[in-house]
Amino acid sequence: MNIVDKITQKQLNPNIPEFRVGYTVVVGCKIIETKNGKSKERVQDFEGVVISRKGSGVSETFTVRKEVSGIGVEKTFPVNSPNVAYIKVTKKGKVRRAKLYFLRDRVGQYKIKEQM
């Protein structure tokens, strides 16, 4: 292996579970709050459906979409970021697309079939 491969191997997070597009996941985001010169770190959950995965290796990202008060919210997370505390798979979905961008246009209750 060359030097670049050794460096990127150290930056990969080994605690990432197997998840795909269509799965419902809970992502724990580390948030640093600063008040009066004191910094406090906490973990905030973001739960939604994985609508895309892009890239590979250190630069791999995934996008999670959820609905809050009838408004769609999407966040893109780097898979190997130190700001992602954990990723938990809550439900497995069976889809026939690599990207679920069509969910942006769906309104109301649209169910993804659960994997058996």
N, C-alpha and C. Protein backbone atom coordinates (compact mmCIF):
# COMPACT_ATOMS: atom_id res chain seq x y z
N MET A 1 0.84 -1.19 0.00
CA MET A 1 0.00 0.00 0.00
C MET A 1 0.88 1.25 0.00
N ASN A 2 0.41 2.26 -0.69
CA ASN A 2 1.16 3.50 -0.68
C ASN A 2 0.75 4.35 0.52
N ILE A 3 1.36 5.50 0.67
CA ILE A 3 1.17 6.34 1.85
C ILE A 3 -0.27 6.87 1.93
N VAL A 4 -0.86 7.24 0.81
CA VAL A 4 -2.21 7.79 0.81
C VAL A 4 -3.20 6.74 1.31
N ASP A 5 -3.06 5.50 0.88
CA ASP A 5 -3.96 4.44 1.34
C ASP A 5 -3.82 4.19 2.84
N LYS A 6 -2.62 4.27 3.36
CA LYS A 6 -2.42 4.07 4.80
C LYS A 6 -3.08 5.17 5.62
N ILE A 7 -2.98 6.40 5.15
CA ILE A 7 -3.57 7.53 5.86
C ILE A 7 -5.10 7.45 5.83
N THR A 8 -5.67 7.13 4.66
CA THR A 8 -7.13 7.04 4.57
C THR A 8 -7.66 5.85 5.36
N GLN A 9 -6.90 4.79 5.48
CA GLN A 9 -7.33 3.62 6.24
C GLN A 9 -7.49 3.97 7.73
N LYS A 10 -6.62 4.85 8.24
CA LYS A 10 -6.71 5.27 9.64
C LYS A 10 -7.93 6.14 9.89
N GLN A 11 -8.41 6.86 8.88
CA GLN A 11 -9.52 7.79 9.05
C GLN A 11 -10.89 7.12 8.90
N LEU A 12 -10.94 5.88 8.46
CA LEU A 12 -12.21 5.18 8.31
C LEU A 12 -12.75 4.78 9.68
N ASN A 13 -14.06 4.92 9.85
CA ASN A 13 -14.71 4.59 11.12
C ASN A 13 -15.13 3.12 11.09
N PRO A 14 -14.64 2.27 12.00
CA PRO A 14 -14.98 0.85 11.97
C PRO A 14 -16.35 0.54 12.57
N ASN A 15 -17.00 1.51 13.22
CA ASN A 15 -18.25 1.26 13.92
C ASN A 15 -19.50 1.58 13.09
N ILE A 16 -19.37 1.63 11.78
CA ILE A 16 -20.50 1.96 10.92
C ILE A 16 -21.26 0.67 10.59
N PRO A 17 -22.57 0.62 10.85
CA PRO A 17 -23.33 -0.59 10.51
C PRO A 17 -23.63 -0.66 9.02
N GLU A 18 -24.05 -1.81 8.57
CA GLU A 18 -24.46 -2.00 7.17
C GLU A 18 -25.82 -1.34 6.99
N PHE A 19 -25.91 -0.35 6.09
CA PHE A 19 -27.19 0.25 5.77
C PHE A 19 -27.20 0.65 4.31
N ARG A 20 -28.40 0.68 3.74
CA ARG A 20 -28.58 0.97 2.32
C ARG A 20 -29.63 2.05 2.13
N VAL A 21 -29.84 2.41 0.88
CA VAL A 21 -30.89 3.36 0.54
C VAL A 21 -32.24 2.69 0.83
N GLY A 22 -33.13 3.43 1.48
CA GLY A 22 -34.43 2.90 1.85
C GLY A 22 -34.53 2.53 3.31
N TYR A 23 -33.41 2.37 3.99
CA TYR A 23 -33.43 2.04 5.41
C TYR A 23 -33.80 3.28 6.22
N THR A 24 -34.48 3.08 7.33
CA THR A 24 -34.75 4.16 8.28
C THR A 24 -33.66 4.11 9.34
N VAL A 25 -32.95 5.22 9.52
CA VAL A 25 -31.82 5.26 10.43
C VAL A 25 -31.97 6.41 11.42
N VAL A 26 -31.27 6.27 12.55
CA VAL A 26 -31.13 7.35 13.53
C VAL A 26 -29.67 7.73 13.54
N VAL A 27 -29.38 8.98 13.22
CA VAL A 27 -28.00 9.48 13.18
C VAL A 27 -27.80 10.40 14.37
N GLY A 28 -26.81 10.09 15.19
CA GLY A 28 -26.48 10.95 16.34
C GLY A 28 -25.45 11.98 15.93
N CYS A 29 -25.84 13.25 15.89
CA CYS A 29 -24.94 14.34 15.48
C CYS A 29 -24.38 15.01 16.74
N LYS A 30 -23.07 15.18 16.78
CA LYS A 30 -22.45 15.90 17.88
C LYS A 30 -22.61 17.39 17.64
N ILE A 31 -23.16 18.09 18.64
CA ILE A 31 -23.38 19.53 18.54
C ILE A 31 -22.65 20.19 19.70
N ILE A 32 -21.87 21.22 19.39
CA ILE A 32 -21.13 21.95 20.41
C ILE A 32 -21.83 23.29 20.64
N GLU A 33 -22.28 23.50 21.86
CA GLU A 33 -22.95 24.75 22.22
C GLU A 33 -22.00 25.58 23.06
N THR A 34 -21.88 26.86 22.74
CA THR A 34 -21.02 27.75 23.49
C THR A 34 -21.88 28.84 24.13
N LYS A 35 -21.73 28.97 25.45
CA LYS A 35 -22.49 29.99 26.18
C LYS A 35 -21.60 30.55 27.28
N ASN A 36 -21.41 31.85 27.24
CA ASN A 36 -20.59 32.55 28.23
C ASN A 36 -19.16 32.00 28.30
N GLY A 37 -18.61 31.64 27.17
CA GLY A 37 -17.24 31.14 27.14
C GLY A 37 -17.10 29.68 27.49
N LYS A 38 -18.19 29.02 27.87
CA LYS A 38 -18.15 27.60 28.20
C LYS A 38 -18.73 26.81 27.04
N SER A 39 -18.01 25.79 26.62
CA SER A 39 -18.51 24.96 25.53
C SER A 39 -19.03 23.64 26.10
N LYS A 40 -20.14 23.21 25.55
CA LYS A 40 -20.81 22.01 26.01
C LYS A 40 -21.15 21.17 24.78
N GLU A 41 -20.85 19.89 24.82
CA GLU A 41 -21.10 19.02 23.68
C GLU A 41 -22.25 18.08 24.02
N ARG A 42 -23.16 17.93 23.06
CA ARG A 42 -24.28 17.01 23.23
C ARG A 42 -24.54 16.29 21.91
N VAL A 43 -25.34 15.25 21.98
CA VAL A 43 -25.67 14.46 20.79
C VAL A 43 -27.14 14.65 20.49
N GLN A 44 -27.44 15.02 19.24
CA GLN A 44 -28.82 15.22 18.82
C GLN A 44 -29.17 14.20 17.75
N ASP A 45 -30.30 13.52 17.92
CA ASP A 45 -30.72 12.49 16.97
C ASP A 45 -31.42 13.11 15.77
N PHE A 46 -31.17 12.51 14.61
CA PHE A 46 -31.86 12.87 13.38
C PHE A 46 -32.33 11.57 12.77
N GLU A 47 -33.64 11.33 12.77
CA GLU A 47 -34.20 10.06 12.30
C GLU A 47 -34.94 10.28 10.99
N GLY A 48 -34.66 9.44 10.00
CA GLY A 48 -35.33 9.54 8.72
C GLY A 48 -34.92 8.42 7.79
N VAL A 49 -35.35 8.54 6.54
CA VAL A 49 -35.09 7.54 5.51
C VAL A 49 -33.85 7.94 4.72
N VAL A 50 -32.97 6.99 4.48
CA VAL A 50 -31.79 7.23 3.66
C VAL A 50 -32.25 7.30 2.21
N ILE A 51 -32.04 8.46 1.55
CA ILE A 51 -32.49 8.59 0.17
C ILE A 51 -31.34 8.51 -0.83
N SER A 52 -30.09 8.62 -0.36
CA SER A 52 -28.97 8.46 -1.29
C SER A 52 -27.68 8.18 -0.53
N ARG A 53 -26.77 7.51 -1.23
CA ARG A 53 -25.39 7.32 -0.77
C ARG A 53 -24.48 7.66 -1.94
N LYS A 54 -23.44 8.42 -1.65
CA LYS A 54 -22.52 8.84 -2.70
C LYS A 54 -21.08 8.63 -2.26
N GLY A 55 -20.20 8.42 -3.22
CA GLY A 55 -18.78 8.36 -2.94
C GLY A 55 -18.34 7.01 -2.40
N SER A 56 -17.07 6.97 -2.01
CA SER A 56 -16.52 5.75 -1.42
C SER A 56 -15.33 6.14 -0.56
N GLY A 57 -14.99 5.26 0.36
CA GLY A 57 -13.84 5.50 1.22
C GLY A 57 -14.10 6.62 2.21
N VAL A 58 -13.13 7.49 2.36
CA VAL A 58 -13.22 8.58 3.34
C VAL A 58 -14.27 9.61 2.93
N SER A 59 -14.47 9.81 1.65
CA SER A 59 -15.37 10.86 1.17
C SER A 59 -16.80 10.38 0.95
N GLU A 60 -17.18 9.25 1.51
CA GLU A 60 -18.53 8.73 1.32
C GLU A 60 -19.53 9.51 2.15
N THR A 61 -20.68 9.86 1.55
CA THR A 61 -21.73 10.59 2.24
C THR A 61 -23.07 9.90 2.03
N PHE A 62 -24.02 10.21 2.91
CA PHE A 62 -25.38 9.72 2.74
C PHE A 62 -26.34 10.82 3.15
N THR A 63 -27.52 10.82 2.52
CA THR A 63 -28.53 11.84 2.76
C THR A 63 -29.73 11.21 3.44
N VAL A 64 -30.20 11.84 4.52
CA VAL A 64 -31.34 11.36 5.28
C VAL A 64 -32.45 12.39 5.18
N ARG A 65 -33.68 11.92 4.96
CA ARG A 65 -34.83 12.82 4.82
C ARG A 65 -35.89 12.46 5.85
N LYS A 66 -36.46 13.50 6.47
CA LYS A 66 -37.59 13.30 7.38
C LYS A 66 -38.56 14.44 7.22
N GLU A 67 -39.77 14.25 7.74
CA GLU A 67 -40.81 15.29 7.69
C GLU A 67 -40.98 15.87 9.09
N VAL A 68 -40.95 17.19 9.19
CA VAL A 68 -41.17 17.88 10.46
C VAL A 68 -42.29 18.88 10.24
N SER A 69 -43.42 18.66 10.89
CA SER A 69 -44.60 19.53 10.79
C SER A 69 -45.03 19.73 9.34
N GLY A 70 -44.96 18.68 8.54
CA GLY A 70 -45.38 18.74 7.15
C GLY A 70 -44.35 19.32 6.20
N ILE A 71 -43.16 19.64 6.69
CA ILE A 71 -42.10 20.19 5.86
C ILE A 71 -40.97 19.18 5.80
N GLY A 72 -40.49 18.89 4.60
CA GLY A 72 -39.41 17.93 4.42
C GLY A 72 -38.06 18.54 4.78
N VAL A 73 -37.27 17.79 5.56
CA VAL A 73 -35.94 18.24 5.97
C VAL A 73 -34.94 17.17 5.55
N GLU A 74 -33.89 17.60 4.86
CA GLU A 74 -32.84 16.67 4.44
C GLU A 74 -31.50 17.12 5.00
N LYS A 75 -30.70 16.15 5.42
CA LYS A 75 -29.34 16.44 5.86
C LYS A 75 -28.41 15.44 5.21
N THR A 76 -27.25 15.92 4.82
CA THR A 76 -26.22 15.06 4.25
C THR A 76 -25.09 14.92 5.25
N PHE A 77 -24.75 13.67 5.55
CA PHE A 77 -23.73 13.37 6.55
C PHE A 77 -22.57 12.64 5.90
N PRO A 78 -21.32 12.97 6.25
CA PRO A 78 -20.20 12.12 5.87
C PRO A 78 -20.23 10.86 6.73
N VAL A 79 -20.02 9.70 6.12
CA VAL A 79 -20.09 8.44 6.84
C VAL A 79 -19.00 8.35 7.90
N ASN A 80 -17.80 8.80 7.59
CA ASN A 80 -16.65 8.65 8.48
C ASN A 80 -16.33 9.91 9.28
N SER A 81 -17.28 10.81 9.44
CA SER A 81 -17.04 12.05 10.15
C SER A 81 -16.96 11.83 11.65
N PRO A 82 -16.06 12.53 12.36
CA PRO A 82 -16.04 12.44 13.82
C PRO A 82 -17.24 13.13 14.46
N ASN A 83 -17.97 13.97 13.70
CA ASN A 83 -19.15 14.63 14.23
C ASN A 83 -20.39 13.74 14.22
N VAL A 84 -20.29 12.57 13.60
CA VAL A 84 -21.37 11.59 13.65
C VAL A 84 -21.05 10.61 14.77
N ALA A 85 -21.82 10.69 15.86
CA ALA A 85 -21.54 9.86 17.04
C ALA A 85 -21.91 8.40 16.77
N TYR A 86 -23.06 8.17 16.17
CA TYR A 86 -23.49 6.81 15.89
C TYR A 86 -24.52 6.81 14.77
N ILE A 87 -24.70 5.64 14.18
CA ILE A 87 -25.75 5.41 13.18
C ILE A 87 -26.44 4.12 13.61
N LYS A 88 -27.76 4.19 13.83
CA LYS A 88 -28.55 3.02 14.21
C LYS A 88 -29.59 2.76 13.14
N VAL A 89 -29.69 1.53 12.70
CA VAL A 89 -30.71 1.14 11.73
C VAL A 89 -31.95 0.71 12.51
N THR A 90 -33.08 1.41 12.28
CA THR A 90 -34.31 1.07 13.00
C THR A 90 -35.23 0.21 12.15
N LYS A 91 -35.22 0.41 10.82
CA LYS A 91 -36.09 -0.35 9.95
C LYS A 91 -35.41 -0.55 8.61
N LYS A 92 -35.51 -1.75 8.06
CA LYS A 92 -34.93 -2.03 6.76
C LYS A 92 -36.02 -1.90 5.70
N GLY A 93 -35.68 -1.22 4.61
CA GLY A 93 -36.63 -1.04 3.53
C GLY A 93 -36.14 -1.68 2.26
N LYS A 94 -37.07 -2.19 1.48
CA LYS A 94 -36.72 -2.82 0.20
C LYS A 94 -37.15 -1.87 -0.92
N VAL A 95 -36.18 -1.35 -1.66
CA VAL A 95 -36.46 -0.40 -2.73
C VAL A 95 -35.82 -0.90 -4.02
N ARG A 96 -36.29 -0.35 -5.14
CA ARG A 96 -35.76 -0.74 -6.44
C ARG A 96 -35.03 0.40 -7.14
N ARG A 97 -34.61 1.38 -6.38
CA ARG A 97 -33.91 2.53 -6.94
C ARG A 97 -32.64 2.78 -6.14
N ALA A 98 -31.64 3.36 -6.78
CA ALA A 98 -30.40 3.71 -6.10
C ALA A 98 -30.53 5.04 -5.37
N LYS A 99 -31.36 5.93 -5.88
CA LYS A 99 -31.61 7.23 -5.26
C LYS A 99 -33.12 7.40 -5.13
N LEU A 100 -33.58 7.83 -3.97
CA LEU A 100 -35.02 7.98 -3.73
C LEU A 100 -35.42 9.45 -3.75
N TYR A 101 -34.97 10.17 -4.75
CA TYR A 101 -35.29 11.59 -4.83
C TYR A 101 -36.78 11.83 -5.11
N PHE A 102 -37.49 10.81 -5.59
CA PHE A 102 -38.91 10.99 -5.86
C PHE A 102 -39.72 11.17 -4.57
N LEU A 103 -39.14 10.84 -3.41
CA LEU A 103 -39.84 11.05 -2.15
C LEU A 103 -40.02 12.53 -1.83
N ARG A 104 -39.25 13.40 -2.48
CA ARG A 104 -39.38 14.83 -2.26
C ARG A 104 -40.74 15.33 -2.75
N ASP A 105 -41.27 14.70 -3.80
CA ASP A 105 -42.54 15.14 -4.37
C ASP A 105 -43.74 14.47 -3.72
N ARG A 106 -43.52 13.41 -2.97
CA ARG A 106 -44.61 12.68 -2.34
C ARG A 106 -45.16 13.47 -1.16
N VAL A 107 -46.48 13.49 -1.04
CA VAL A 107 -47.12 14.18 0.06
C VAL A 107 -47.96 13.16 0.81
N GLY A 108 -47.95 13.23 2.13
CA GLY A 108 -48.76 12.34 2.93
C GLY A 108 -48.03 11.06 3.26
N GLN A 109 -48.80 10.00 3.39
CA GLN A 109 -48.24 8.74 3.87
C GLN A 109 -47.84 7.88 2.68
N TYR A 110 -46.54 7.70 2.51
CA TYR A 110 -46.02 6.82 1.47
C TYR A 110 -45.10 5.83 2.17
N LYS A 111 -45.42 4.56 2.04
CA LYS A 111 -44.66 3.56 2.77
C LYS A 111 -43.68 2.87 1.84
N ILE A 112 -42.48 2.65 2.36
CA ILE A 112 -41.50 1.83 1.68
C ILE A 112 -41.69 0.42 2.20
N LYS A 113 -41.70 -0.55 1.30
CA LYS A 113 -41.90 -1.93 1.73
C LYS A 113 -40.77 -2.38 2.63
N GLU A 114 -41.15 -3.07 3.71
CA GLU A 114 -40.14 -3.58 4.62
C GLU A 114 -39.54 -4.84 4.06
N GLN A 115 -38.23 -4.99 4.32
CA GLN A 115 -37.53 -6.15 3.84
C GLN A 115 -37.84 -7.32 4.75
N MET A 116 -37.98 -8.49 4.16
CA MET A 116 -38.33 -9.66 4.97
C MET A 116 -37.11 -10.45 5.36
